Every structure is written in C-alpha cells, then in structure tokens.
PDB file of all heavy atoms in Angstrom:
ATOM      1  N   GLN A   1       1.952   4.546  11.889  1.00  0.00           N
ATOM      2  CA  GLN A   1       2.438   3.332  11.315  1.00  0.00           C
ATOM      3  C   GLN A   1       1.763   3.127   9.941  1.00  0.00           C
ATOM      4  O   GLN A   1       0.592   3.357   9.781  1.00  0.00           O
ATOM      5  CB  GLN A   1       2.111   2.125  12.208  1.00  0.00           C
ATOM      6  CG  GLN A   1       2.662   0.832  11.756  1.00  0.00           C
ATOM      7  CD  GLN A   1       2.438  -0.239  12.831  1.00  0.00           C
ATOM      8  OE1 GLN A   1       3.362  -0.555  13.592  1.00  0.00           O
ATOM      9  NE2 GLN A   1       1.255  -0.852  12.776  1.00  0.00           N
ATOM     10  N   LEU A   2       2.567   2.689   8.979  1.00  0.00           N
ATOM     11  CA  LEU A   2       2.088   2.206   7.699  1.00  0.00           C
ATOM     12  C   LEU A   2       2.475   0.750   7.538  1.00  0.00           C
ATOM     13  O   LEU A   2       3.668   0.443   7.610  1.00  0.00           O
ATOM     14  CB  LEU A   2       2.698   3.041   6.552  1.00  0.00           C
ATOM     15  CG  LEU A   2       2.373   4.547   6.548  1.00  0.00           C
ATOM     16  CD1 LEU A   2       3.094   5.218   5.426  1.00  0.00           C
ATOM     17  CD2 LEU A   2       0.879   4.777   6.437  1.00  0.00           C
ATOM     18  N   VAL A   3       1.480  -0.081   7.358  1.00  0.00           N
ATOM     19  CA  VAL A   3       1.711  -1.522   7.225  1.00  0.00           C
ATOM     20  C   VAL A   3       1.306  -1.940   5.795  1.00  0.00           C
ATOM     21  O   VAL A   3       0.251  -1.651   5.345  1.00  0.00           O
ATOM     22  CB  VAL A   3       0.925  -2.293   8.286  1.00  0.00           C
ATOM     23  CG1 VAL A   3       1.076  -3.820   8.078  1.00  0.00           C
ATOM     24  CG2 VAL A   3       1.297  -1.911   9.676  1.00  0.00           C
ATOM     25  N   GLN A   4       2.221  -2.702   5.157  1.00  0.00           N
ATOM     26  CA  GLN A   4       2.000  -3.091   3.760  1.00  0.00           C
ATOM     27  C   GLN A   4       1.800  -4.557   3.604  1.00  0.00           C
ATOM     28  O   GLN A   4       2.354  -5.342   4.366  1.00  0.00           O
ATOM     29  CB  GLN A   4       3.221  -2.629   2.894  1.00  0.00           C
ATOM     30  CG  GLN A   4       3.368  -1.135   2.817  1.00  0.00           C
ATOM     31  CD  GLN A   4       4.463  -0.724   1.893  1.00  0.00           C
ATOM     32  OE1 GLN A   4       5.424  -0.019   2.274  1.00  0.00           O
ATOM     33  NE2 GLN A   4       4.370  -1.192   0.633  1.00  0.00           N
ATOM     34  N   ALA A   5       1.104  -4.922   2.514  1.00  0.00           N
ATOM     35  CA  ALA A   5       0.908  -6.324   2.163  1.00  0.00           C
ATOM     36  C   ALA A   5       0.589  -6.386   0.668  1.00  0.00           C
ATOM     37  O   ALA A   5       0.332  -5.375   0.063  1.00  0.00           O
ATOM     38  CB  ALA A   5      -0.172  -6.975   2.975  1.00  0.00           C
ATOM     39  N   GLY A   6       0.567  -7.575   0.148  1.00  0.00           N
ATOM     40  CA  GLY A   6       0.063  -7.764  -1.240  1.00  0.00           C
ATOM     41  C   GLY A   6       1.158  -8.109  -2.247  1.00  0.00           C
ATOM     42  O   GLY A   6       0.782  -8.438  -3.395  1.00  0.00           O
ATOM     43  N   GLY A   7       2.407  -8.020  -1.897  1.00  0.00           N
ATOM     44  CA  GLY A   7       3.432  -8.375  -2.834  1.00  0.00           C
ATOM     45  C   GLY A   7       3.494  -9.895  -3.111  1.00  0.00           C
ATOM     46  O   GLY A   7       2.834 -10.654  -2.449  1.00  0.00           O
ATOM     47  N   GLY A   8       4.287 -10.236  -4.120  1.00  0.00           N
ATOM     48  CA  GLY A   8       4.413 -11.634  -4.447  1.00  0.00           C
ATOM     49  C   GLY A   8       5.094 -11.774  -5.788  1.00  0.00           C
ATOM     50  O   GLY A   8       5.650 -10.834  -6.324  1.00  0.00           O
ATOM     51  N   SER A   9       5.017 -13.021  -6.336  1.00  0.00           N
ATOM     52  CA  SER A   9       5.606 -13.365  -7.611  1.00  0.00           C
ATOM     53  C   SER A   9       4.558 -13.747  -8.570  1.00  0.00           C
ATOM     54  O   SER A   9       3.656 -14.597  -8.304  1.00  0.00           O
ATOM     55  CB  SER A   9       6.578 -14.508  -7.428  1.00  0.00           C
ATOM     56  OG  SER A   9       7.684 -14.148  -6.585  1.00  0.00           O
ATOM     57  N   VAL A  10       4.608 -13.164  -9.767  1.00  0.00           N
ATOM     58  CA  VAL A  10       3.608 -13.418 -10.848  1.00  0.00           C
ATOM     59  C   VAL A  10       4.293 -13.493 -12.177  1.00  0.00           C
ATOM     60  O   VAL A  10       5.441 -13.037 -12.303  1.00  0.00           O
ATOM     61  CB  VAL A  10       2.490 -12.361 -10.872  1.00  0.00           C
ATOM     62  CG1 VAL A  10       1.690 -12.325  -9.582  1.00  0.00           C
ATOM     63  CG2 VAL A  10       3.078 -10.990 -11.196  1.00  0.00           C
ATOM     64  N   GLN A  11       3.631 -14.099 -13.112  1.00  0.00           N
ATOM     65  CA  GLN A  11       4.103 -14.143 -14.529  1.00  0.00           C
ATOM     66  C   GLN A  11       3.747 -12.803 -15.188  1.00  0.00           C
ATOM     67  O   GLN A  11       2.780 -12.123 -14.735  1.00  0.00           O
ATOM     68  CB  GLN A  11       3.469 -15.285 -15.300  1.00  0.00           C
ATOM     69  CG  GLN A  11       3.840 -16.660 -14.791  1.00  0.00           C
ATOM     70  CD  GLN A  11       5.231 -17.075 -15.262  1.00  0.00           C
ATOM     71  OE1 GLN A  11       5.824 -16.458 -16.139  1.00  0.00           O
ATOM     72  NE2 GLN A  11       5.740 -18.143 -14.711  1.00  0.00           N
ATOM     73  N   ALA A  12       4.484 -12.408 -16.173  1.00  0.00           N
ATOM     74  CA  ALA A  12       4.187 -11.240 -16.974  1.00  0.00           C
ATOM     75  C   ALA A  12       2.715 -11.320 -17.455  1.00  0.00           C
ATOM     76  O   ALA A  12       2.276 -12.353 -17.908  1.00  0.00           O
ATOM     77  CB  ALA A  12       5.100 -11.106 -18.153  1.00  0.00           C
ATOM     78  N   GLY A  13       2.006 -10.178 -17.306  1.00  0.00           N
ATOM     79  CA  GLY A  13       0.661 -10.101 -17.683  1.00  0.00           C
ATOM     80  C   GLY A  13      -0.310 -10.365 -16.494  1.00  0.00           C
ATOM     81  O   GLY A  13      -1.524 -10.094 -16.627  1.00  0.00           O
ATOM     82  N   GLY A  14       0.193 -10.761 -15.370  1.00  0.00           N
ATOM     83  CA  GLY A  14      -0.607 -10.994 -14.199  1.00  0.00           C
ATOM     84  C   GLY A  14      -0.834  -9.729 -13.419  1.00  0.00           C
ATOM     85  O   GLY A  14      -0.455  -8.634 -13.784  1.00  0.00           O
ATOM     86  N   SER A  15      -1.559  -9.919 -12.281  1.00  0.00           N
ATOM     87  CA  SER A  15      -1.949  -8.745 -11.477  1.00  0.00           C
ATOM     88  C   SER A  15      -1.624  -9.024 -10.009  1.00  0.00           C
ATOM     89  O   SER A  15      -1.584 -10.138  -9.526  1.00  0.00           O
ATOM     90  CB  SER A  15      -3.485  -8.510 -11.616  1.00  0.00           C
ATOM     91  OG  SER A  15      -3.831  -8.155 -12.908  1.00  0.00           O
ATOM     92  N   LEU A  16      -1.410  -7.878  -9.292  1.00  0.00           N
ATOM     93  CA  LEU A  16      -1.295  -7.920  -7.857  1.00  0.00           C
ATOM     94  C   LEU A  16      -1.976  -6.706  -7.275  1.00  0.00           C
ATOM     95  O   LEU A  16      -2.104  -5.662  -7.993  1.00  0.00           O
ATOM     96  CB  LEU A  16       0.202  -7.884  -7.406  1.00  0.00           C
ATOM     97  CG  LEU A  16       1.033  -9.124  -7.610  1.00  0.00           C
ATOM     98  CD1 LEU A  16       2.467  -8.824  -7.345  1.00  0.00           C
ATOM     99  CD2 LEU A  16       0.551 -10.241  -6.733  1.00  0.00           C
ATOM    100  N   LYS A  17      -2.470  -6.792  -6.067  1.00  0.00           N
ATOM    101  CA  LYS A  17      -3.037  -5.644  -5.413  1.00  0.00           C
ATOM    102  C   LYS A  17      -2.324  -5.396  -4.041  1.00  0.00           C
ATOM    103  O   LYS A  17      -2.378  -6.214  -3.164  1.00  0.00           O
ATOM    104  CB  LYS A  17      -4.559  -5.884  -5.124  1.00  0.00           C
ATOM    105  CG  LYS A  17      -5.306  -4.672  -4.604  1.00  0.00           C
ATOM    106  CD  LYS A  17      -6.759  -4.944  -4.464  1.00  0.00           C
ATOM    107  CE  LYS A  17      -7.605  -3.761  -4.074  1.00  0.00           C
ATOM    108  NZ  LYS A  17      -9.035  -4.037  -3.961  1.00  0.00           N
ATOM    109  N   LEU A  18      -1.649  -4.273  -4.008  1.00  0.00           N
ATOM    110  CA  LEU A  18      -0.864  -3.934  -2.827  1.00  0.00           C
ATOM    111  C   LEU A  18      -1.756  -3.081  -1.900  1.00  0.00           C
ATOM    112  O   LEU A  18      -2.610  -2.353  -2.316  1.00  0.00           O
ATOM    113  CB  LEU A  18       0.373  -3.084  -3.219  1.00  0.00           C
ATOM    114  CG  LEU A  18       1.299  -3.683  -4.236  1.00  0.00           C
ATOM    115  CD1 LEU A  18       2.532  -2.763  -4.393  1.00  0.00           C
ATOM    116  CD2 LEU A  18       1.733  -5.093  -3.915  1.00  0.00           C
ATOM    117  N   SER A  19      -1.551  -3.227  -0.576  1.00  0.00           N
ATOM    118  CA  SER A  19      -2.300  -2.424   0.358  1.00  0.00           C
ATOM    119  C   SER A  19      -1.333  -1.715   1.326  1.00  0.00           C
ATOM    120  O   SER A  19      -0.211  -2.181   1.602  1.00  0.00           O
ATOM    121  CB  SER A  19      -3.232  -3.360   1.185  1.00  0.00           C
ATOM    122  OG  SER A  19      -2.525  -4.286   1.924  1.00  0.00           O
ATOM    123  N   CYS A  20      -1.824  -0.632   1.838  1.00  0.00           N
ATOM    124  CA  CYS A  20      -1.076   0.210   2.801  1.00  0.00           C
ATOM    125  C   CYS A  20      -2.044   0.618   3.866  1.00  0.00           C
ATOM    126  O   CYS A  20      -2.962   1.479   3.573  1.00  0.00           O
ATOM    127  CB  CYS A  20      -0.430   1.392   2.081  1.00  0.00           C
ATOM    128  SG  CYS A  20       0.499   2.518   3.155  1.00  0.00           S
ATOM    129  N   VAL A  21      -1.954   0.118   5.038  1.00  0.00           N
ATOM    130  CA  VAL A  21      -2.889   0.403   6.119  1.00  0.00           C
ATOM    131  C   VAL A  21      -2.264   1.383   7.069  1.00  0.00           C
ATOM    132  O   VAL A  21      -1.155   1.182   7.610  1.00  0.00           O
ATOM    133  CB  VAL A  21      -3.245  -0.858   6.886  1.00  0.00           C
ATOM    134  CG1 VAL A  21      -4.249  -0.552   8.008  1.00  0.00           C
ATOM    135  CG2 VAL A  21      -3.805  -1.953   5.960  1.00  0.00           C
ATOM    136  N   ALA A  22      -2.924   2.531   7.248  1.00  0.00           N
ATOM    137  CA  ALA A  22      -2.395   3.586   8.107  1.00  0.00           C
ATOM    138  C   ALA A  22      -3.095   3.537   9.482  1.00  0.00           C
ATOM    139  O   ALA A  22      -4.302   3.424   9.553  1.00  0.00           O
ATOM    140  CB  ALA A  22      -2.632   4.926   7.439  1.00  0.00           C
ATOM    141  N   SER A  23      -2.308   3.799  10.481  1.00  0.00           N
ATOM    142  CA  SER A  23      -2.835   3.908  11.868  1.00  0.00           C
ATOM    143  C   SER A  23      -2.143   4.889  12.664  1.00  0.00           C
ATOM    144  O   SER A  23      -0.887   5.104  12.400  1.00  0.00           O
ATOM    145  CB  SER A  23      -2.857   2.509  12.545  1.00  0.00           C
ATOM    146  OG  SER A  23      -1.558   2.025  12.696  1.00  0.00           O
ATOM    147  N   GLY A  24      -2.731   5.516  13.640  1.00  0.00           N
ATOM    148  CA  GLY A  24      -2.105   6.416  14.510  1.00  0.00           C
ATOM    149  C   GLY A  24      -1.945   7.816  13.997  1.00  0.00           C
ATOM    150  O   GLY A  24      -1.380   8.703  14.677  1.00  0.00           O
ATOM    151  N   PHE A  25      -2.493   8.145  12.829  1.00  0.00           N
ATOM    152  CA  PHE A  25      -2.400   9.472  12.214  1.00  0.00           C
ATOM    153  C   PHE A  25      -3.500  10.337  12.688  1.00  0.00           C
ATOM    154  O   PHE A  25      -4.650   9.917  12.862  1.00  0.00           O
ATOM    155  CB  PHE A  25      -2.391   9.416  10.682  1.00  0.00           C
ATOM    156  CG  PHE A  25      -1.173   8.775  10.095  1.00  0.00           C
ATOM    157  CD1 PHE A  25      -1.057   7.421   9.952  1.00  0.00           C
ATOM    158  CD2 PHE A  25      -0.117   9.586   9.692  1.00  0.00           C
ATOM    159  CE1 PHE A  25       0.059   6.854   9.369  1.00  0.00           C
ATOM    160  CE2 PHE A  25       1.007   9.057   9.106  1.00  0.00           C
ATOM    161  CZ  PHE A  25       1.139   7.681   8.963  1.00  0.00           C
ATOM    162  N   ILE A  26      -3.239  11.664  12.900  1.00  0.00           N
ATOM    163  CA  ILE A  26      -4.252  12.621  13.188  1.00  0.00           C
ATOM    164  C   ILE A  26      -5.112  12.826  11.984  1.00  0.00           C
ATOM    165  O   ILE A  26      -4.704  12.592  10.850  1.00  0.00           O
ATOM    166  CB  ILE A  26      -3.669  13.933  13.724  1.00  0.00           C
ATOM    167  CG1 ILE A  26      -2.807  14.597  12.702  1.00  0.00           C
ATOM    168  CG2 ILE A  26      -2.943  13.676  15.042  1.00  0.00           C
ATOM    169  CD1 ILE A  26      -2.327  15.992  13.078  1.00  0.00           C
ATOM    170  N   ASP A  27      -6.308  13.348  12.191  1.00  0.00           N
ATOM    171  CA  ASP A  27      -7.325  13.439  11.118  1.00  0.00           C
ATOM    172  C   ASP A  27      -7.090  14.686  10.332  1.00  0.00           C
ATOM    173  O   ASP A  27      -7.888  15.684  10.439  1.00  0.00           O
ATOM    174  CB  ASP A  27      -8.727  13.388  11.727  1.00  0.00           C
ATOM    175  CG  ASP A  27      -9.780  13.252  10.640  1.00  0.00           C
ATOM    176  OD1 ASP A  27      -9.457  12.892   9.516  1.00  0.00           O
ATOM    177  OD2 ASP A  27     -10.957  13.494  10.982  1.00  0.00           O
ATOM    178  N   ILE A  28      -6.079  14.726   9.502  1.00  0.00           N
ATOM    179  CA  ILE A  28      -5.823  15.802   8.544  1.00  0.00           C
ATOM    180  C   ILE A  28      -5.551  15.181   7.182  1.00  0.00           C
ATOM    181  O   ILE A  28      -5.421  13.948   7.058  1.00  0.00           O
ATOM    182  CB  ILE A  28      -4.627  16.739   8.982  1.00  0.00           C
ATOM    183  CG1 ILE A  28      -3.347  15.903   9.087  1.00  0.00           C
ATOM    184  CG2 ILE A  28      -4.962  17.472  10.262  1.00  0.00           C
ATOM    185  CD1 ILE A  28      -2.170  16.763   9.390  1.00  0.00           C
ATOM    186  N   LYS A  29      -5.461  15.984   6.129  1.00  0.00           N
ATOM    187  CA  LYS A  29      -5.235  15.478   4.816  1.00  0.00           C
ATOM    188  C   LYS A  29      -3.767  15.253   4.512  1.00  0.00           C
ATOM    189  O   LYS A  29      -2.918  16.128   4.790  1.00  0.00           O
ATOM    190  CB  LYS A  29      -5.812  16.483   3.777  1.00  0.00           C
ATOM    191  CG  LYS A  29      -7.333  16.657   3.890  1.00  0.00           C
ATOM    192  CD  LYS A  29      -8.074  15.375   3.620  1.00  0.00           C
ATOM    193  CE  LYS A  29      -9.620  15.637   3.656  1.00  0.00           C
ATOM    194  NZ  LYS A  29     -10.343  14.376   3.391  1.00  0.00           N
ATOM    195  N   TYR A  30      -3.438  14.103   3.934  1.00  0.00           N
ATOM    196  CA  TYR A  30      -2.096  13.728   3.597  1.00  0.00           C
ATOM    197  C   TYR A  30      -1.934  13.503   2.124  1.00  0.00           C
ATOM    198  O   TYR A  30      -2.856  12.937   1.501  1.00  0.00           O
ATOM    199  CB  TYR A  30      -1.713  12.438   4.352  1.00  0.00           C
ATOM    200  CG  TYR A  30      -1.651  12.571   5.892  1.00  0.00           C
ATOM    201  CD1 TYR A  30      -2.773  12.315   6.580  1.00  0.00           C
ATOM    202  CD2 TYR A  30      -0.487  12.973   6.513  1.00  0.00           C
ATOM    203  CE1 TYR A  30      -2.796  12.441   7.979  1.00  0.00           C
ATOM    204  CE2 TYR A  30      -0.493  13.087   7.902  1.00  0.00           C
ATOM    205  CZ  TYR A  30      -1.609  12.826   8.580  1.00  0.00           C
ATOM    206  OH  TYR A  30      -1.585  12.902   9.958  1.00  0.00           O
ATOM    207  N   CYS A  31      -0.812  13.929   1.594  1.00  0.00           N
ATOM    208  CA  CYS A  31      -0.415  13.402   0.276  1.00  0.00           C
ATOM    209  C   CYS A  31       0.092  11.965   0.476  1.00  0.00           C
ATOM    210  O   CYS A  31       0.829  11.681   1.446  1.00  0.00           O
ATOM    211  CB  CYS A  31       0.719  14.260  -0.353  1.00  0.00           C
ATOM    212  SG  CYS A  31       0.155  15.918  -0.829  1.00  0.00           S
ATOM    213  N   GLN A  32      -0.282  11.101  -0.410  1.00  0.00           N
ATOM    214  CA  GLN A  32       0.074   9.657  -0.303  1.00  0.00           C
ATOM    215  C   GLN A  32       0.741   9.281  -1.607  1.00  0.00           C
ATOM    216  O   GLN A  32       0.366   9.763  -2.668  1.00  0.00           O
ATOM    217  CB  GLN A  32      -1.065   8.818  -0.003  1.00  0.00           C
ATOM    218  CG  GLN A  32      -1.792   9.185   1.295  1.00  0.00           C
ATOM    219  CD  GLN A  32      -2.996   8.319   1.531  1.00  0.00           C
ATOM    220  OE1 GLN A  32      -2.910   7.199   2.037  1.00  0.00           O
ATOM    221  NE2 GLN A  32      -4.202   8.831   1.198  1.00  0.00           N
ATOM    222  N   ALA A  33       1.660   8.346  -1.537  1.00  0.00           N
ATOM    223  CA  ALA A  33       2.391   7.957  -2.726  1.00  0.00           C
ATOM    224  C   ALA A  33       2.854   6.500  -2.663  1.00  0.00           C
ATOM    225  O   ALA A  33       2.964   5.934  -1.600  1.00  0.00           O
ATOM    226  CB  ALA A  33       3.645   8.831  -2.895  1.00  0.00           C
ATOM    227  N   TRP A  34       3.095   5.976  -3.829  1.00  0.00           N
ATOM    228  CA  TRP A  34       3.741   4.678  -3.982  1.00  0.00           C
ATOM    229  C   TRP A  34       5.099   4.859  -4.718  1.00  0.00           C
ATOM    230  O   TRP A  34       5.136   5.545  -5.727  1.00  0.00           O
ATOM    231  CB  TRP A  34       2.865   3.710  -4.815  1.00  0.00           C
ATOM    232  CG  TRP A  34       1.628   3.286  -4.077  1.00  0.00           C
ATOM    233  CD1 TRP A  34       0.431   3.796  -4.182  1.00  0.00           C
ATOM    234  CD2 TRP A  34       1.525   2.174  -3.180  1.00  0.00           C
ATOM    235  NE1 TRP A  34      -0.432   3.162  -3.377  1.00  0.00           N
ATOM    236  CE2 TRP A  34       0.236   2.087  -2.730  1.00  0.00           C
ATOM    237  CE3 TRP A  34       2.470   1.182  -2.685  1.00  0.00           C
ATOM    238  CZ2 TRP A  34      -0.227   1.147  -1.839  1.00  0.00           C
ATOM    239  CZ3 TRP A  34       2.000   0.267  -1.806  1.00  0.00           C
ATOM    240  CH2 TRP A  34       0.677   0.250  -1.408  1.00  0.00           C
ATOM    241  N   PHE A  35       6.121   4.246  -4.183  1.00  0.00           N
ATOM    242  CA  PHE A  35       7.470   4.345  -4.730  1.00  0.00           C
ATOM    243  C   PHE A  35       7.866   2.856  -5.031  1.00  0.00           C
ATOM    244  O   PHE A  35       7.366   1.894  -4.373  1.00  0.00           O
ATOM    245  CB  PHE A  35       8.481   4.939  -3.806  1.00  0.00           C
ATOM    246  CG  PHE A  35       8.240   6.411  -3.582  1.00  0.00           C
ATOM    247  CD1 PHE A  35       7.337   6.850  -2.599  1.00  0.00           C
ATOM    248  CD2 PHE A  35       9.012   7.373  -4.323  1.00  0.00           C
ATOM    249  CE1 PHE A  35       7.194   8.218  -2.413  1.00  0.00           C
ATOM    250  CE2 PHE A  35       8.814   8.682  -4.080  1.00  0.00           C
ATOM    251  CZ  PHE A  35       7.907   9.133  -3.129  1.00  0.00           C
TER     252      PHE A  35
END
C-alpha cells in the first residue's frame, strides 16, 4: 500500500510537502517516483 497526504491549495510562491507512506513491501530496493 502507498498512502499519500499533503496536498492542498496555496497561492503562487507558496510551499507544500507531500508524503507517501509505504507499507507491506518486502525489503528490497525500489525505484520511486512522483507523477
């Protein structure tokens, strides 16, 4: 499972911090991406 949070509405010039919490994955190396 990948669970996301951190979106919202901001004015131009503002900041947001998105998160992606992974669970249930075996302990190997993954390529990760944001789209």
